[in-house]
Amino acid sequence: MTKQVHELSSQNEQECIISLLNLQVAEMRRQNKALEQNNQLLMDLLSAQKRSNSPWMTQEEAANELGIPTKRRRNYVAILNHLHDIGRLPTVQGTNKRLFCRKEVKTLSERILEGKVTIPTYSQLTQ
């Protein structure tokens, strides 16, 4: 009888230990996931900081700053190219994937907000 009680208590202890280990593993996984999310947020923040310190804006950034919808790349690139061609955004870098001068884009954005400049839509450009 004593041997049976000892075996039962030994099994219960093992089950408790396994249960505790499972809880610890689950908690470590949760913490690991939280650390990965935190790392991704920090990387995104660092990337955004680098972009905002750059004197150049990508086409998508410029379109967002100017309030041009960015659903279709072809459309906003055509509008930005038009703005460059008419001298509203004179300073560019590159040919296929142009970069626009951040300072000029910000200035144009302010002029748009003040109502001094209007930007044509893609459909207006293609008529």
Protein backbone atom coordinates (compact mmCIF):
# COMPACT_ATOMS: atom_id res chain seq x y z
CA MET A 1 0.00 0.00 0.00
CA THR A 2 2.78 2.43 0.87
CA LYS A 3 4.48 1.68 -2.43
CA GLN A 4 1.24 2.48 -4.33
CA VAL A 5 0.78 5.78 -2.46
CA HIS A 6 4.38 6.71 -3.20
CA GLU A 7 3.92 5.93 -6.92
CA LEU A 8 0.69 7.99 -7.02
CA SER A 9 2.34 10.92 -5.32
CA SER A 10 5.32 10.63 -7.65
CA GLN A 11 2.98 10.70 -10.70
CA ASN A 12 1.14 13.73 -9.30
CA GLU A 13 4.42 15.54 -8.74
CA GLN A 14 5.53 14.80 -12.30
CA GLU A 15 2.21 16.00 -13.68
CA CYS A 16 2.51 19.19 -11.64
CA ILE A 17 6.06 19.74 -12.85
CA ILE A 18 5.01 19.14 -16.47
CA SER A 19 2.07 21.48 -16.06
CA LEU A 20 4.31 24.19 -14.58
CA LEU A 21 6.84 23.73 -17.37
CA ASN A 22 4.08 24.04 -19.97
CA LEU A 23 2.93 27.28 -18.34
CA GLN A 24 6.49 28.61 -18.37
CA VAL A 25 6.95 27.69 -22.03
CA ALA A 26 3.66 29.44 -22.91
CA GLU A 27 4.74 32.54 -21.00
CA MET A 28 8.15 32.54 -22.71
CA ARG A 29 6.44 32.30 -26.10
CA ARG A 30 4.19 35.22 -25.20
CA GLN A 31 7.18 37.29 -24.09
CA ASN A 32 9.12 36.34 -27.22
CA LYS A 33 6.23 37.45 -29.43
CA ALA A 34 6.00 40.74 -27.53
CA LEU A 35 9.76 41.28 -27.98
CA GLU A 36 9.49 40.57 -31.71
CA GLN A 37 6.64 43.07 -32.04
CA ASN A 38 8.61 45.65 -30.08
CA ASN A 39 11.66 45.05 -32.28
CA GLN A 40 9.56 45.53 -35.45
CA LEU A 41 8.11 48.77 -34.09
CA LEU A 42 11.59 50.05 -33.28
CA MET A 43 12.83 49.14 -36.78
CA ASP A 44 9.84 50.93 -38.33
CA LEU A 45 10.49 53.98 -36.16
CA LEU A 46 14.17 54.01 -37.11
CA SER A 47 13.28 53.71 -40.79
CA ALA A 48 10.76 56.55 -40.52
CA GLN A 49 13.32 58.70 -38.70
CA LYS A 50 15.89 58.10 -41.44
CA ARG A 51 13.34 59.04 -44.10
CA SER A 52 12.27 62.22 -42.33
CA ASN A 53 15.91 63.31 -41.95
CA SER A 54 16.58 62.71 -45.63
CA PRO A 55 16.43 65.72 -47.97
CA TRP A 56 14.60 63.46 -50.47
CA MET A 57 11.11 61.97 -50.57
CA THR A 58 10.03 58.88 -52.46
CA GLN A 59 7.19 59.21 -54.93
CA GLU A 60 4.74 57.63 -52.50
CA GLU A 61 5.83 59.89 -49.63
CA ALA A 62 5.50 62.96 -51.84
CA ALA A 63 2.05 61.88 -53.02
CA ASN A 64 0.93 61.34 -49.42
CA GLU A 65 2.30 64.72 -48.35
CA LEU A 66 0.47 66.44 -51.22
CA GLY A 67 -2.80 64.61 -50.60
CA ILE A 68 -2.65 62.65 -53.85
CA PRO A 69 -4.36 59.24 -53.58
CA THR A 70 -1.82 56.41 -53.72
CA LYS A 71 -4.09 53.51 -54.66
CA ARG A 72 -2.68 53.22 -58.16
CA ARG A 73 1.04 53.89 -58.57
CA ARG A 74 0.70 54.82 -62.23
CA ASN A 75 -1.78 57.58 -61.35
CA TYR A 76 0.18 59.34 -58.61
CA VAL A 77 3.46 59.01 -60.50
CA ALA A 78 1.84 60.68 -63.53
CA ILE A 79 0.60 63.56 -61.35
CA LEU A 80 4.01 63.99 -59.72
CA ASN A 81 5.73 63.92 -63.11
CA HIS A 82 3.29 66.56 -64.33
CA LEU A 83 4.08 68.75 -61.30
CA HIS A 84 7.77 68.36 -62.11
CA ASP A 85 7.22 69.15 -65.79
CA ILE A 86 5.35 72.37 -65.03
CA GLY A 87 7.97 73.45 -62.49
CA ARG A 88 6.03 72.97 -59.24
CA LEU A 89 8.55 70.35 -58.08
CA PRO A 90 11.67 71.30 -60.03
CA THR A 91 14.34 69.38 -58.10
CA VAL A 92 14.31 65.62 -58.60
CA GLN A 93 16.83 62.85 -58.30
CA GLY A 94 16.77 59.72 -60.46
CA THR A 95 14.82 58.93 -63.59
CA ASN A 96 12.60 55.86 -63.18
CA LYS A 97 11.92 56.08 -59.47
CA ARG A 98 12.30 59.77 -58.90
CA LEU A 99 13.00 61.26 -55.52
CA PHE A 100 11.59 64.69 -54.81
CA CYS A 101 13.16 67.44 -52.75
CA ARG A 102 11.51 67.24 -49.32
CA LYS A 103 11.66 71.00 -48.84
CA GLU A 104 9.91 71.68 -52.17
CA VAL A 105 7.22 69.09 -51.47
CA LYS A 106 6.53 70.60 -48.04
CA THR A 107 6.36 74.10 -49.53
CA LEU A 108 3.96 72.95 -52.26
CA SER A 109 1.85 71.14 -49.64
CA GLU A 110 1.54 74.36 -47.63
CA ARG A 111 0.53 76.29 -50.77
CA ILE A 112 -2.13 73.66 -51.51
CA LEU A 113 -3.50 73.96 -47.97
CA GLU A 114 -3.62 77.74 -48.33
CA GLY A 115 -5.60 77.32 -51.56
CA LYS A 116 -2.93 78.98 -53.72
CA VAL A 117 -2.25 75.87 -55.81
CA THR A 118 -4.51 73.10 -57.08
CA ILE A 119 -3.31 69.71 -58.25
CA PRO A 120 -4.98 68.04 -61.22
CA THR A 121 -6.41 64.56 -60.89
CA TYR A 122 -5.17 61.72 -63.03
CA SER A 123 -8.35 61.80 -65.12
CA GLN A 124 -7.85 65.52 -65.78
CA LEU A 125 -4.31 64.82 -66.99
CA THR A 126 -5.39 62.11 -69.39
CA GLN A 127 -8.18 64.09 -71.08
